[in-house]
Amino acid sequence: MAVLEDLEGLRVDALVRALFWVSVDDLPERGVVRLLCERQKLGDTELSLTGGTLSIKGAPIQCLHWQTVEGQKRVRVVVESTKKTSLEEMYLCDLSKWIVDEFSLFVLGRTKNAGP
């Protein structure tokens, strides 16, 4: 505990990574992940992109990995970013809330405190 107490208030660049499972139906129709998941037919040939990585500049989120789950209408989404923060008592809770808010905005198209 003494070691942790000595670190309190220390400024750090935290790597924040969170995994979310989302129903395809919950993704916005014009959202980037859903648009990329759409199946395309070319004659008798059907194409579908089943996963990808998006690198993002100029936004709080720096990387978004996604992958569809075969046979299910679910998508696995990993959101990554770094954030400057201080090691305080609630910093993990604060970072968790922050990454969920960013996922809601960038993937689900919802603003803070907005419902489905």
PDB file of N, CA and C in Angstrom:
ATOM      1  N   MET A   1       0.821  -1.194   0.000  1.00  0.00           N
ATOM      2  CA  MET A   1       0.000   0.000   0.000  1.00  0.00           C
ATOM      3  C   MET A   1       0.866   1.259   0.000  1.00  0.00           C
ATOM      4  N   ALA A   2       1.975   1.222   0.699  1.00  0.00           N
ATOM      5  CA  ALA A   2       2.840   2.399   0.773  1.00  0.00           C
ATOM      6  C   ALA A   2       3.379   2.755  -0.610  1.00  0.00           C
ATOM      7  N   VAL A   3       3.732   1.736  -1.399  1.00  0.00           N
ATOM      8  CA  VAL A   3       4.228   1.990  -2.758  1.00  0.00           C
ATOM      9  C   VAL A   3       3.147   2.662  -3.589  1.00  0.00           C
ATOM     10  N   LEU A   4       1.912   2.159  -3.494  1.00  0.00           N
ATOM     11  CA  LEU A   4       0.813   2.751  -4.253  1.00  0.00           C
ATOM     12  C   LEU A   4       0.522   4.174  -3.795  1.00  0.00           C
ATOM     13  N   GLU A   5       0.602   4.405  -2.510  1.00  0.00           N
ATOM     14  CA  GLU A   5       0.369   5.751  -1.995  1.00  0.00           C
ATOM     15  C   GLU A   5       1.412   6.728  -2.519  1.00  0.00           C
ATOM     16  N   ASP A   6       2.644   6.265  -2.697  1.00  0.00           N
ATOM     17  CA  ASP A   6       3.707   7.117  -3.231  1.00  0.00           C
ATOM     18  C   ASP A   6       3.445   7.512  -4.683  1.00  0.00           C
ATOM     19  N   LEU A   7       2.680   6.686  -5.412  1.00  0.00           N
ATOM     20  CA  LEU A   7       2.398   6.966  -6.820  1.00  0.00           C
ATOM     21  C   LEU A   7       1.177   7.867  -7.019  1.00  0.00           C
ATOM     22  N   GLU A   8       0.408   8.058  -5.966  1.00  0.00           N
ATOM     23  CA  GLU A   8      -0.809   8.859  -6.089  1.00  0.00           C
ATOM     24  C   GLU A   8      -0.483  10.264  -6.610  1.00  0.00           C
ATOM     25  N   GLY A   9      -1.247  10.688  -7.608  1.00  0.00           N
ATOM     26  CA  GLY A   9      -1.062  11.995  -8.210  1.00  0.00           C
ATOM     27  C   GLY A   9      -0.088  11.996  -9.380  1.00  0.00           C
ATOM     28  N   LEU A  10       0.599  10.906  -9.610  1.00  0.00           N
ATOM     29  CA  LEU A  10       1.554  10.804 -10.717  1.00  0.00           C
ATOM     30  C   LEU A  10       0.817  10.915 -12.051  1.00  0.00           C
ATOM     31  N   ARG A  11       1.320  11.760 -12.951  1.00  0.00           N
ATOM     32  CA  ARG A  11       0.733  11.908 -14.292  1.00  0.00           C
ATOM     33  C   ARG A  11       1.268  10.792 -15.176  1.00  0.00           C
ATOM     34  N   VAL A  12       0.370  10.119 -15.901  1.00  0.00           N
ATOM     35  CA  VAL A  12       0.759   9.011 -16.768  1.00  0.00           C
ATOM     36  C   VAL A  12      -0.001   9.094 -18.083  1.00  0.00           C
ATOM     37  N   ASP A  13       0.555   8.445 -19.107  1.00  0.00           N
ATOM     38  CA  ASP A  13      -0.154   8.208 -20.354  1.00  0.00           C
ATOM     39  C   ASP A  13      -0.677   6.785 -20.270  1.00  0.00           C
ATOM     40  N   ALA A  14      -1.958   6.636 -20.049  1.00  0.00           N
ATOM     41  CA  ALA A  14      -2.553   5.316 -19.873  1.00  0.00           C
ATOM     42  C   ALA A  14      -2.996   4.763 -21.224  1.00  0.00           C
ATOM     43  N   LEU A  15      -2.643   3.515 -21.495  1.00  0.00           N
ATOM     44  CA  LEU A  15      -3.168   2.814 -22.662  1.00  0.00           C
ATOM     45  C   LEU A  15      -4.482   2.193 -22.216  1.00  0.00           C
ATOM     46  N   VAL A  16      -5.548   2.581 -22.886  1.00  0.00           N
ATOM     47  CA  VAL A  16      -6.877   2.095 -22.527  1.00  0.00           C
ATOM     48  C   VAL A  16      -7.386   1.236 -23.676  1.00  0.00           C
ATOM     49  N   ARG A  17      -7.737   0.007 -23.358  1.00  0.00           N
ATOM     50  CA  ARG A  17      -8.248  -0.934 -24.363  1.00  0.00           C
ATOM     51  C   ARG A  17      -9.476  -1.603 -23.781  1.00  0.00           C
ATOM     52  N   ALA A  18     -10.576  -1.611 -24.550  1.00  0.00           N
ATOM     53  CA  ALA A  18     -11.812  -2.216 -24.064  1.00  0.00           C
ATOM     54  C   ALA A  18     -12.429  -3.071 -25.162  1.00  0.00           C
ATOM     55  N   LEU A  19     -13.021  -4.182 -24.755  1.00  0.00           N
ATOM     56  CA  LEU A  19     -13.674  -5.112 -25.665  1.00  0.00           C
ATOM     57  C   LEU A  19     -15.176  -5.016 -25.464  1.00  0.00           C
ATOM     58  N   PHE A  20     -15.905  -4.916 -26.569  1.00  0.00           N
ATOM     59  CA  PHE A  20     -17.364  -4.838 -26.526  1.00  0.00           C
ATOM     60  C   PHE A  20     -17.939  -5.863 -27.493  1.00  0.00           C
ATOM     61  N   TRP A  21     -19.056  -6.458 -27.126  1.00  0.00           N
ATOM     62  CA  TRP A  21     -19.823  -7.319 -28.020  1.00  0.00           C
ATOM     63  C   TRP A  21     -21.092  -6.563 -28.370  1.00  0.00           C
ATOM     64  N   VAL A  22     -21.372  -6.456 -29.670  1.00  0.00           N
ATOM     65  CA  VAL A  22     -22.492  -5.654 -30.135  1.00  0.00           C
ATOM     66  C   VAL A  22     -23.301  -6.453 -31.145  1.00  0.00           C
ATOM     67  N   SER A  23     -24.613  -6.385 -31.021  1.00  0.00           N
ATOM     68  CA  SER A  23     -25.480  -6.957 -32.042  1.00  0.00           C
ATOM     69  C   SER A  23     -25.376  -6.078 -33.291  1.00  0.00           C
ATOM     70  N   VAL A  24     -25.330  -6.696 -34.452  1.00  0.00           N
ATOM     71  CA  VAL A  24     -25.277  -5.922 -35.703  1.00  0.00           C
ATOM     72  C   VAL A  24     -26.468  -4.969 -35.768  1.00  0.00           C
ATOM     73  N   ASP A  25     -27.624  -5.407 -35.270  1.00  0.00           N
ATOM     74  CA  ASP A  25     -28.820  -4.563 -35.297  1.00  0.00           C
ATOM     75  C   ASP A  25     -28.681  -3.314 -34.435  1.00  0.00           C
ATOM     76  N   ASP A  26     -27.766  -3.331 -33.453  1.00  0.00           N
ATOM     77  CA  ASP A  26     -27.550  -2.161 -32.598  1.00  0.00           C
ATOM     78  C   ASP A  26     -26.571  -1.154 -33.200  1.00  0.00           C
ATOM     79  N   LEU A  27     -25.910  -1.547 -34.274  1.00  0.00           N
ATOM     80  CA  LEU A  27     -24.984  -0.625 -34.939  1.00  0.00           C
ATOM     81  C   LEU A  27     -25.780   0.334 -35.821  1.00  0.00           C
ATOM     82  N   PRO A  28     -25.409   1.613 -35.859  1.00  0.00           N
ATOM     83  CA  PRO A  28     -26.119   2.552 -36.722  1.00  0.00           C
ATOM     84  C   PRO A  28     -25.988   2.131 -38.195  1.00  0.00           C
ATOM     85  N   GLU A  29     -27.086   2.255 -38.932  1.00  0.00           N
ATOM     86  CA  GLU A  29     -27.090   1.832 -40.339  1.00  0.00           C
ATOM     87  C   GLU A  29     -26.005   2.516 -41.156  1.00  0.00           C
ATOM     88  N   ARG A  30     -25.706   3.761 -40.855  1.00  0.00           N
ATOM     89  CA  ARG A  30     -24.695   4.496 -41.608  1.00  0.00           C
ATOM     90  C   ARG A  30     -23.361   4.561 -40.863  1.00  0.00           C
ATOM     91  N   GLY A  31     -23.240   3.778 -39.791  1.00  0.00           N
ATOM     92  CA  GLY A  31     -21.996   3.730 -39.034  1.00  0.00           C
ATOM     93  C   GLY A  31     -20.936   2.932 -39.781  1.00  0.00           C
ATOM     94  N   VAL A  32     -19.688   3.249 -39.536  1.00  0.00           N
ATOM     95  CA  VAL A  32     -18.591   2.671 -40.306  1.00  0.00           C
ATOM     96  C   VAL A  32     -18.507   1.151 -40.147  1.00  0.00           C
ATOM     97  N   VAL A  33     -18.700   0.618 -38.942  1.00  0.00           N
ATOM     98  CA  VAL A  33     -18.577  -0.828 -38.754  1.00  0.00           C
ATOM     99  C   VAL A  33     -19.689  -1.557 -39.487  1.00  0.00           C
ATOM    100  N   ARG A  34     -20.906  -1.081 -39.357  1.00  0.00           N
ATOM    101  CA  ARG A  34     -22.034  -1.754 -40.034  1.00  0.00           C
ATOM    102  C   ARG A  34     -21.896  -1.671 -41.547  1.00  0.00           C
ATOM    103  N   LEU A  35     -21.493  -0.516 -42.043  1.00  0.00           N
ATOM    104  CA  LEU A  35     -21.315  -0.383 -43.494  1.00  0.00           C
ATOM    105  C   LEU A  35     -20.277  -1.366 -44.017  1.00  0.00           C
ATOM    106  N   LEU A  36     -19.210  -1.562 -43.251  1.00  0.00           N
ATOM    107  CA  LEU A  36     -18.169  -2.484 -43.683  1.00  0.00           C
ATOM    108  C   LEU A  36     -18.600  -3.945 -43.559  1.00  0.00           C
ATOM    109  N   CYS A  37     -19.556  -4.225 -42.674  1.00  0.00           N
ATOM    110  CA  CYS A  37     -20.035  -5.600 -42.474  1.00  0.00           C
ATOM    111  C   CYS A  37     -21.052  -6.030 -43.534  1.00  0.00           C
ATOM    112  N   GLU A  38     -21.630  -5.086 -44.249  1.00  0.00           N
ATOM    113  CA  GLU A  38     -22.688  -5.421 -45.209  1.00  0.00           C
ATOM    114  C   GLU A  38     -22.194  -6.407 -46.251  1.00  0.00           C
ATOM    115  N   ARG A  39     -23.016  -7.396 -46.536  1.00  0.00           N
ATOM    116  CA  ARG A  39     -22.691  -8.367 -47.590  1.00  0.00           C
ATOM    117  C   ARG A  39     -23.006  -7.762 -48.942  1.00  0.00           C
ATOM    118  N   GLN A  40     -22.158  -8.058 -49.897  1.00  0.00           N
ATOM    119  CA  GLN A  40     -22.330  -7.571 -51.263  1.00  0.00           C
ATOM    120  C   GLN A  40     -22.461  -8.776 -52.183  1.00  0.00           C
ATOM    121  N   LYS A  41     -23.366  -8.684 -53.140  1.00  0.00           N
ATOM    122  CA  LYS A  41     -23.521  -9.758 -54.122  1.00  0.00           C
ATOM    123  C   LYS A  41     -23.103  -9.243 -55.487  1.00  0.00           C
ATOM    124  N   LEU A  42     -22.304 -10.038 -56.156  1.00  0.00           N
ATOM    125  CA  LEU A  42     -21.892  -9.771 -57.523  1.00  0.00           C
ATOM    126  C   LEU A  42     -22.258 -11.017 -58.329  1.00  0.00           C
ATOM    127  N   GLY A  43     -23.435 -11.000 -58.923  1.00  0.00           N
ATOM    128  CA  GLY A  43     -23.918 -12.187 -59.613  1.00  0.00           C
ATOM    129  C   GLY A  43     -24.162 -13.282 -58.593  1.00  0.00           C
ATOM    130  N   ASP A  44     -23.535 -14.433 -58.797  1.00  0.00           N
ATOM    131  CA  ASP A  44     -23.673 -15.555 -57.869  1.00  0.00           C
ATOM    132  C   ASP A  44     -22.645 -15.512 -56.742  1.00  0.00           C
ATOM    133  N   THR A  45     -21.813 -14.489 -56.728  1.00  0.00           N
ATOM    134  CA  THR A  45     -20.751 -14.385 -55.731  1.00  0.00           C
ATOM    135  C   THR A  45     -21.179 -13.433 -54.621  1.00  0.00           C
ATOM    136  N   GLU A  46     -20.958 -13.874 -53.397  1.00  0.00           N
ATOM    137  CA  GLU A  46     -21.271 -13.037 -52.243  1.00  0.00           C
ATOM    138  C   GLU A  46     -19.981 -12.706 -51.502  1.00  0.00           C
ATOM    139  N   LEU A  47     -19.775 -11.415 -51.227  1.00  0.00           N
ATOM    140  CA  LEU A  47     -18.587 -10.944 -50.527  1.00  0.00           C
ATOM    141  C   LEU A  47     -18.992 -10.320 -49.200  1.00  0.00           C
ATOM    142  N   SER A  48     -18.175 -10.548 -48.184  1.00  0.00           N
ATOM    143  CA  SER A  48     -18.394  -9.845 -46.921  1.00  0.00           C
ATOM    144  C   SER A  48     -17.057  -9.658 -46.226  1.00  0.00           C
ATOM    145  N   LEU A  49     -16.885  -8.469 -45.698  1.00  0.00           N
ATOM    146  CA  LEU A  49     -15.699  -8.161 -44.908  1.00  0.00           C
ATOM    147  C   LEU A  49     -16.021  -8.580 -43.481  1.00  0.00           C
ATOM    148  N   THR A  50     -15.239  -9.476 -42.907  1.00  0.00           N
ATOM    149  CA  THR A  50     -15.571 -10.041 -41.600  1.00  0.00           C
ATOM    150  C   THR A  50     -14.762  -9.446 -40.457  1.00  0.00           C
ATOM    151  N   GLY A  51     -13.906  -8.483 -40.751  1.00  0.00           N
ATOM    152  CA  GLY A  51     -13.147  -7.839 -39.697  1.00  0.00           C
ATOM    153  C   GLY A  51     -12.199  -6.813 -40.259  1.00  0.00           C
ATOM    154  N   GLY A  52     -11.697  -5.986 -39.391  1.00  0.00           N
ATOM    155  CA  GLY A  52     -10.750  -4.979 -39.844  1.00  0.00           C
ATOM    156  C   GLY A  52     -10.213  -4.155 -38.694  1.00  0.00           C
ATOM    157  N   THR A  53      -9.252  -3.316 -39.027  1.00  0.00           N
ATOM    158  CA  THR A  53      -8.654  -2.394 -38.073  1.00  0.00           C
ATOM    159  C   THR A  53      -8.680  -1.007 -38.686  1.00  0.00           C
ATOM    160  N   LEU A  54      -9.213  -0.074 -37.954  1.00  0.00           N
ATOM    161  CA  LEU A  54      -9.232   1.318 -38.392  1.00  0.00           C
ATOM    162  C   LEU A  54      -8.277   2.108 -37.516  1.00  0.00           C
ATOM    163  N   SER A  55      -7.341   2.810 -38.127  1.00  0.00           N
ATOM    164  CA  SER A  55      -6.480   3.740 -37.408  1.00  0.00           C
ATOM    165  C   SER A  55      -7.110   5.112 -37.535  1.00  0.00           C
ATOM    166  N   ILE A  56      -7.200   5.820 -36.427  1.00  0.00           N
ATOM    167  CA  ILE A  56      -7.918   7.094 -36.406  1.00  0.00           C
ATOM    168  C   ILE A  56      -6.981   8.176 -35.887  1.00  0.00           C
ATOM    169  N   LYS A  57      -6.943   9.297 -36.595  1.00  0.00           N
ATOM    170  CA  LYS A  57      -6.159  10.452 -36.148  1.00  0.00           C
ATOM    171  C   LYS A  57      -7.105  11.618 -35.924  1.00  0.00           C
ATOM    172  N   GLY A  58      -6.794  12.445 -34.948  1.00  0.00           N
ATOM    173  CA  GLY A  58      -7.594  13.635 -34.685  1.00  0.00           C
ATOM    174  C   GLY A  58      -8.829  13.376 -33.846  1.00  0.00           C
ATOM    175  N   ALA A  59      -8.914  12.220 -33.212  1.00  0.00           N
ATOM    176  CA  ALA A  59     -10.048  11.882 -32.349  1.00  0.00           C
ATOM    177  C   ALA A  59      -9.508  11.232 -31.079  1.00  0.00           C
ATOM    178  N   PRO A  60     -10.312  11.179 -30.028  1.00  0.00           N
ATOM    179  CA  PRO A  60      -9.834  10.541 -28.802  1.00  0.00           C
ATOM    180  C   PRO A  60      -9.496   9.056 -28.980  1.00  0.00           C
ATOM    181  N   ILE A  61     -10.230   8.364 -29.830  1.00  0.00           N
ATOM    182  CA  ILE A  61      -9.957   6.952 -30.106  1.00  0.00           C
ATOM    183  C   ILE A  61      -8.889   6.881 -31.179  1.00  0.00           C
ATOM    184  N   GLN A  62      -7.892   6.042 -30.979  1.00  0.00           N
ATOM    185  CA  GLN A  62      -6.794   5.939 -31.937  1.00  0.00           C
ATOM    186  C   GLN A  62      -6.871   4.697 -32.801  1.00  0.00           C
ATOM    187  N   CYS A  63      -7.556   3.651 -32.317  1.00  0.00           N
ATOM    188  CA  CYS A  63      -7.617   2.411 -33.077  1.00  0.00           C
ATOM    189  C   CYS A  63      -8.910   1.673 -32.742  1.00  0.00           C
ATOM    190  N   LEU A  64      -9.509   1.117 -33.767  1.00  0.00           N
ATOM    191  CA  LEU A  64     -10.745   0.366 -33.616  1.00  0.00           C
ATOM    192  C   LEU A  64     -10.586  -0.938 -34.380  1.00  0.00           C
ATOM    193  N   HIS A  65     -10.641  -2.065 -33.656  1.00  0.00           N
ATOM    194  CA  HIS A  65     -10.582  -3.386 -34.281  1.00  0.00           C
ATOM    195  C   HIS A  65     -11.982  -3.979 -34.212  1.00  0.00           C
ATOM    196  N   TRP A  66     -12.421  -4.615 -35.262  1.00  0.00           N
ATOM    197  CA  TRP A  66     -13.721  -5.263 -35.213  1.00  0.00           C
ATOM    198  C   TRP A  66     -13.684  -6.572 -35.989  1.00  0.00           C
ATOM    199  N   GLN A  67     -14.552  -7.493 -35.580  1.00  0.00           N
ATOM    200  CA  GLN A  67     -14.641  -8.789 -36.236  1.00  0.00           C
ATOM    201  C   GLN A  67     -16.048  -9.337 -36.049  1.00  0.00           C
ATOM    202  N   THR A  68     -16.640  -9.809 -37.136  1.00  0.00           N
ATOM    203  CA  THR A  68     -17.951 -10.435 -37.028  1.00  0.00           C
ATOM    204  C   THR A  68     -17.777 -11.855 -36.501  1.00  0.00           C
ATOM    205  N   VAL A  69     -18.816 -12.357 -35.876  1.00  0.00           N
ATOM    206  CA  VAL A  69     -18.795 -13.708 -35.345  1.00  0.00           C
ATOM    207  C   VAL A  69     -19.583 -14.590 -36.306  1.00  0.00           C
ATOM    208  N   GLU A  70     -18.909 -15.589 -36.856  1.00  0.00           N
ATOM    209  CA  GLU A  70     -19.504 -16.484 -37.844  1.00  0.00           C
ATOM    210  C   GLU A  70     -20.808 -17.081 -37.317  1.00  0.00           C
ATOM    211  N   GLY A  71     -21.854 -16.990 -38.127  1.00  0.00           N
ATOM    212  CA  GLY A  71     -23.124 -17.602 -37.778  1.00  0.00           C
ATOM    213  C   GLY A  71     -23.949 -16.834 -36.764  1.00  0.00           C
ATOM    214  N   GLN A  72     -23.451 -15.731 -36.280  1.00  0.00           N
ATOM    215  CA  GLN A  72     -24.195 -14.929 -35.319  1.00  0.00           C
ATOM    216  C   GLN A  72     -24.265 -13.509 -35.843  1.00  0.00           C
ATOM    217  N   LYS A  73     -25.226 -12.773 -35.353  1.00  0.00           N
ATOM    218  CA  LYS A  73     -25.332 -11.373 -35.761  1.00  0.00           C
ATOM    219  C   LYS A  73     -24.684 -10.494 -34.693  1.00  0.00           C
ATOM    220  N   ARG A  74     -23.449 -10.861 -34.337  1.00  0.00           N
ATOM    221  CA  ARG A  74     -22.718 -10.088 -33.337  1.00  0.00           C
ATOM    222  C   ARG A  74     -21.370  -9.666 -33.897  1.00  0.00           C
ATOM    223  N   VAL A  75     -20.888  -8.563 -33.354  1.00  0.00           N
ATOM    224  CA  VAL A  75     -19.588  -8.036 -33.746  1.00  0.00           C
ATOM    225  C   VAL A  75     -18.760  -7.838 -32.479  1.00  0.00           C
ATOM    226  N   ARG A  76     -17.520  -8.249 -32.559  1.00  0.00           N
ATOM    227  CA  ARG A  76     -16.550  -8.038 -31.471  1.00  0.00           C
ATOM    228  C   ARG A  76     -15.795  -6.762 -31.820  1.00  0.00           C
ATOM    229  N   VAL A  77     -15.845  -5.784 -30.929  1.00  0.00           N
ATOM    230  CA  VAL A  77     -15.203  -4.491 -31.181  1.00  0.00           C
ATOM    231  C   VAL A  77     -14.211  -4.204 -30.059  1.00  0.00           C
ATOM    232  N   VAL A  78     -12.978  -3.899 -30.438  1.00  0.00           N
ATOM    233  CA  VAL A  78     -11.956  -3.489 -29.473  1.00  0.00           C
ATOM    234  C   VAL A  78     -11.607  -2.034 -29.772  1.00  0.00           C
ATOM    235  N   VAL A  79     -11.709  -1.198 -28.762  1.00  0.00           N
ATOM    236  CA  VAL A  79     -11.410   0.227 -28.878  1.00  0.00           C
ATOM    237  C   VAL A  79     -10.131   0.483 -28.097  1.00  0.00           C
ATOM    238  N   GLU A  80      -9.190   1.210 -28.721  1.00  0.00           N
ATOM    239  CA  GLU A  80      -7.907   1.509 -28.065  1.00  0.00           C
ATOM    240  C   GLU A  80      -7.608   3.000 -28.137  1.00  0.00           C
ATOM    241  N   SER A  81      -6.986   3.471 -27.086  1.00  0.00           N
ATOM    242  CA  SER A  81      -6.533   4.852 -27.067  1.00  0.00           C
ATOM    243  C   SER A  81      -5.547   5.047 -25.921  1.00  0.00           C
ATOM    244  N   THR A  82      -4.850   6.148 -25.972  1.00  0.00           N
ATOM    245  CA  THR A  82      -4.056   6.560 -24.817  1.00  0.00           C
ATOM    246  C   THR A  82      -4.674   7.839 -24.275  1.00  0.00           C
ATOM    247  N   LYS A  83      -4.575   7.992 -22.987  1.00  0.00           N
ATOM    248  CA  LYS A  83      -5.157   9.174 -22.342  1.00  0.00           C
ATOM    249  C   LYS A  83      -4.256   9.600 -21.198  1.00  0.00           C
ATOM    250  N   LYS A  84      -3.989  10.882 -21.151  1.00  0.00           N
ATOM    251  CA  LYS A  84      -3.225  11.429 -20.032  1.00  0.00           C
ATOM    252  C   LYS A  84      -4.144  11.479 -18.811  1.00  0.00           C
ATOM    253  N   THR A  85      -3.632  10.998 -17.708  1.00  0.00           N
ATOM    254  CA  THR A  85      -4.432  10.985 -16.482  1.00  0.00           C
ATOM    255  C   THR A  85      -3.502  11.021 -15.279  1.00  0.00           C
ATOM    256  N   SER A  86      -4.074  11.167 -14.127  1.00  0.00           N
ATOM    257  CA  SER A  86      -3.318  11.108 -12.869  1.00  0.00           C
ATOM    258  C   SER A  86      -3.745   9.856 -12.120  1.00  0.00           C
ATOM    259  N   LEU A  87      -2.800   9.231 -11.460  1.00  0.00           N
ATOM    260  CA  LEU A  87      -3.113   8.058 -10.644  1.00  0.00           C
ATOM    261  C   LEU A  87      -3.778   8.537  -9.362  1.00  0.00           C
ATOM    262  N   GLU A  88      -5.076   8.478  -9.381  1.00  0.00           N
ATOM    263  CA  GLU A  88      -5.894   8.881  -8.232  1.00  0.00           C
ATOM    264  C   GLU A  88      -6.740   7.685  -7.819  1.00  0.00           C
ATOM    265  N   GLU A  89      -7.441   7.811  -6.740  1.00  0.00           N
ATOM    266  CA  GLU A  89      -8.222   6.696  -6.198  1.00  0.00           C
ATOM    267  C   GLU A  89      -9.202   6.113  -7.220  1.00  0.00           C
ATOM    268  N   MET A  90      -9.844   6.932  -8.014  1.00  0.00           N
ATOM    269  CA  MET A  90     -10.884   6.470  -8.932  1.00  0.00           C
ATOM    270  C   MET A  90     -10.442   6.471 -10.396  1.00  0.00           C
ATOM    271  N   TYR A  91      -9.138   6.495 -10.665  1.00  0.00           N
ATOM    272  CA  TYR A  91      -8.703   6.655 -12.045  1.00  0.00           C
ATOM    273  C   TYR A  91      -9.137   5.502 -12.946  1.00  0.00           C
ATOM    274  N   LEU A  92      -9.152   4.269 -12.441  1.00  0.00           N
ATOM    275  CA  LEU A  92      -9.595   3.144 -13.280  1.00  0.00           C
ATOM    276  C   LEU A  92     -11.077   3.261 -13.613  1.00  0.00           C
ATOM    277  N   CYS A  93     -11.883   3.658 -12.657  1.00  0.00           N
ATOM    278  CA  CYS A  93     -13.318   3.876 -12.913  1.00  0.00           C
ATOM    279  C   CYS A  93     -13.517   5.011 -13.914  1.00  0.00           C
ATOM    280  N   ASP A  94     -12.763   6.078 -13.757  1.00  0.00           N
ATOM    281  CA  ASP A  94     -12.874   7.225 -14.663  1.00  0.00           C
ATOM    282  C   ASP A  94     -12.474   6.836 -16.086  1.00  0.00           C
ATOM    283  N   LEU A  95     -11.388   6.072 -16.239  1.00  0.00           N
ATOM    284  CA  LEU A  95     -10.960   5.641 -17.566  1.00  0.00           C
ATOM    285  C   LEU A  95     -11.969   4.671 -18.185  1.00  0.00           C
ATOM    286  N   SER A  96     -12.549   3.809 -17.361  1.00  0.00           N
ATOM    287  CA  SER A  96     -13.560   2.877 -17.864  1.00  0.00           C
ATOM    288  C   SER A  96     -14.777   3.626 -18.389  1.00  0.00           C
ATOM    289  N   LYS A  97     -15.246   4.594 -17.647  1.00  0.00           N
ATOM    290  CA  LYS A  97     -16.400   5.387 -18.090  1.00  0.00           C
ATOM    291  C   LYS A  97     -16.055   6.140 -19.370  1.00  0.00           C
ATOM    292  N   TRP A  98     -14.862   6.690 -19.433  1.00  0.00           N
ATOM    293  CA  TRP A  98     -14.439   7.453 -20.603  1.00  0.00           C
ATOM    294  C   TRP A  98     -14.418   6.574 -21.855  1.00  0.00           C
ATOM    295  N   ILE A  99     -13.854   5.363 -21.776  1.00  0.00           N
ATOM    296  CA  ILE A  99     -13.755   4.515 -22.964  1.00  0.00           C
ATOM    297  C   ILE A  99     -15.138   4.019 -23.391  1.00  0.00           C
ATOM    298  N   VAL A 100     -16.032   3.782 -22.439  1.00  0.00           N
ATOM    299  CA  VAL A 100     -17.402   3.396 -22.787  1.00  0.00           C
ATOM    300  C   VAL A 100     -18.104   4.550 -23.503  1.00  0.00           C
ATOM    301  N   ASP A 101     -17.901   5.772 -23.023  1.00  0.00           N
ATOM    302  CA  ASP A 101     -18.487   6.948 -23.689  1.00  0.00           C
ATOM    303  C   ASP A 101     -17.943   7.090 -25.110  1.00  0.00           C
ATOM    304  N   GLU A 102     -16.649   6.865 -25.306  1.00  0.00           N
ATOM    305  CA  GLU A 102     -16.063   6.980 -26.647  1.00  0.00           C
ATOM    306  C   GLU A 102     -16.576   5.875 -27.567  1.00  0.00           C
ATOM    307  N   PHE A 103     -16.723   4.661 -27.056  1.00  0.00           N
ATOM    308  CA  PHE A 103     -17.310   3.566 -27.830  1.00  0.00           C
ATOM    309  C   PHE A 103     -18.737   3.925 -28.242  1.00  0.00           C
ATOM    310  N   SER A 104     -19.511   4.440 -27.298  1.00  0.00           N
ATOM    311  CA  SER A 104     -20.896   4.816 -27.591  1.00  0.00           C
ATOM    312  C   SER A 104     -20.965   5.862 -28.692  1.00  0.00           C
ATOM    313  N   LEU A 105     -20.052   6.808 -28.662  1.00  0.00           N
ATOM    314  CA  LEU A 105     -20.036   7.868 -29.671  1.00  0.00           C
ATOM    315  C   LEU A 105     -19.528   7.361 -31.017  1.00  0.00           C
ATOM    316  N   PHE A 106     -18.351   6.752 -31.043  1.00  0.00           N
ATOM    317  CA  PHE A 106     -17.710   6.397 -32.314  1.00  0.00           C
ATOM    318  C   PHE A 106     -18.284   5.154 -32.971  1.00  0.00           C
ATOM    319  N   VAL A 107     -18.773   4.204 -32.211  1.00  0.00           N
ATOM    320  CA  VAL A 107     -19.285   2.970 -32.791  1.00  0.00           C
ATOM    321  C   VAL A 107     -20.811   2.975 -32.863  1.00  0.00           C
ATOM    322  N   LEU A 108     -21.461   3.376 -31.775  1.00  0.00           N
ATOM    323  CA  LEU A 108     -22.926   3.340 -31.734  1.00  0.00           C
ATOM    324  C   LEU A 108     -23.583   4.642 -32.173  1.00  0.00           C
ATOM    325  N   GLY A 109     -22.789   5.700 -32.307  1.00  0.00           N
ATOM    326  CA  GLY A 109     -23.338   6.978 -32.763  1.00  0.00           C
ATOM    327  C   GLY A 109     -24.194   7.677 -31.733  1.00  0.00           C
ATOM    328  N   ARG A 110     -23.960   7.378 -30.468  1.00  0.00           N
ATOM    329  CA  ARG A 110     -24.740   7.997 -29.387  1.00  0.00           C
ATOM    330  C   ARG A 110     -23.894   9.024 -28.663  1.00  0.00           C
ATOM    331  N   THR A 111     -24.544  10.086 -28.196  1.00  0.00           N
ATOM    332  CA  THR A 111     -23.831  11.068 -27.396  1.00  0.00           C
ATOM    333  C   THR A 111     -23.985  10.703 -25.930  1.00  0.00           C
ATOM    334  N   LYS A 112     -23.252  11.387 -25.070  1.00  0.00           N
ATOM    335  CA  LYS A 112     -23.334  11.118 -23.639  1.00  0.00           C
ATOM    336  C   LYS A 112     -24.793  11.251 -23.176  1.00  0.00           C
ATOM    337  N   ASN A 113     -25.156  10.344 -22.282  1.00  0.00           N
ATOM    338  CA  ASN A 113     -26.504  10.326 -21.672  1.00  0.00           C
ATOM    339  C   ASN A 113     -27.613  10.101 -22.682  1.00  0.00           C
ATOM    340  N   ALA A 114     -27.278   9.694 -23.907  1.00  0.00           N
ATOM    341  CA  ALA A 114     -28.308   9.413 -24.897  1.00  0.00           C
ATOM    342  C   ALA A 114     -28.695   7.948 -24.829  1.00  0.00           C
ATOM    343  N   GLY A 115     -29.945   7.682 -25.010  1.00  0.00           N
ATOM    344  CA  GLY A 115     -30.431   6.303 -25.012  1.00  0.00           C
ATOM    345  C   GLY A 115     -30.209   5.665 -26.368  1.00  0.00           C
ATOM    346  N   PRO A 116     -30.715   4.429 -26.529  1.00  0.00           N
ATOM    347  CA  PRO A 116     -30.530   3.713 -27.806  1.00  0.00           C
ATOM    348  C   PRO A 116     -31.205   4.386 -28.977  1.00  0.00           C
TER     349      PRO A 116
END
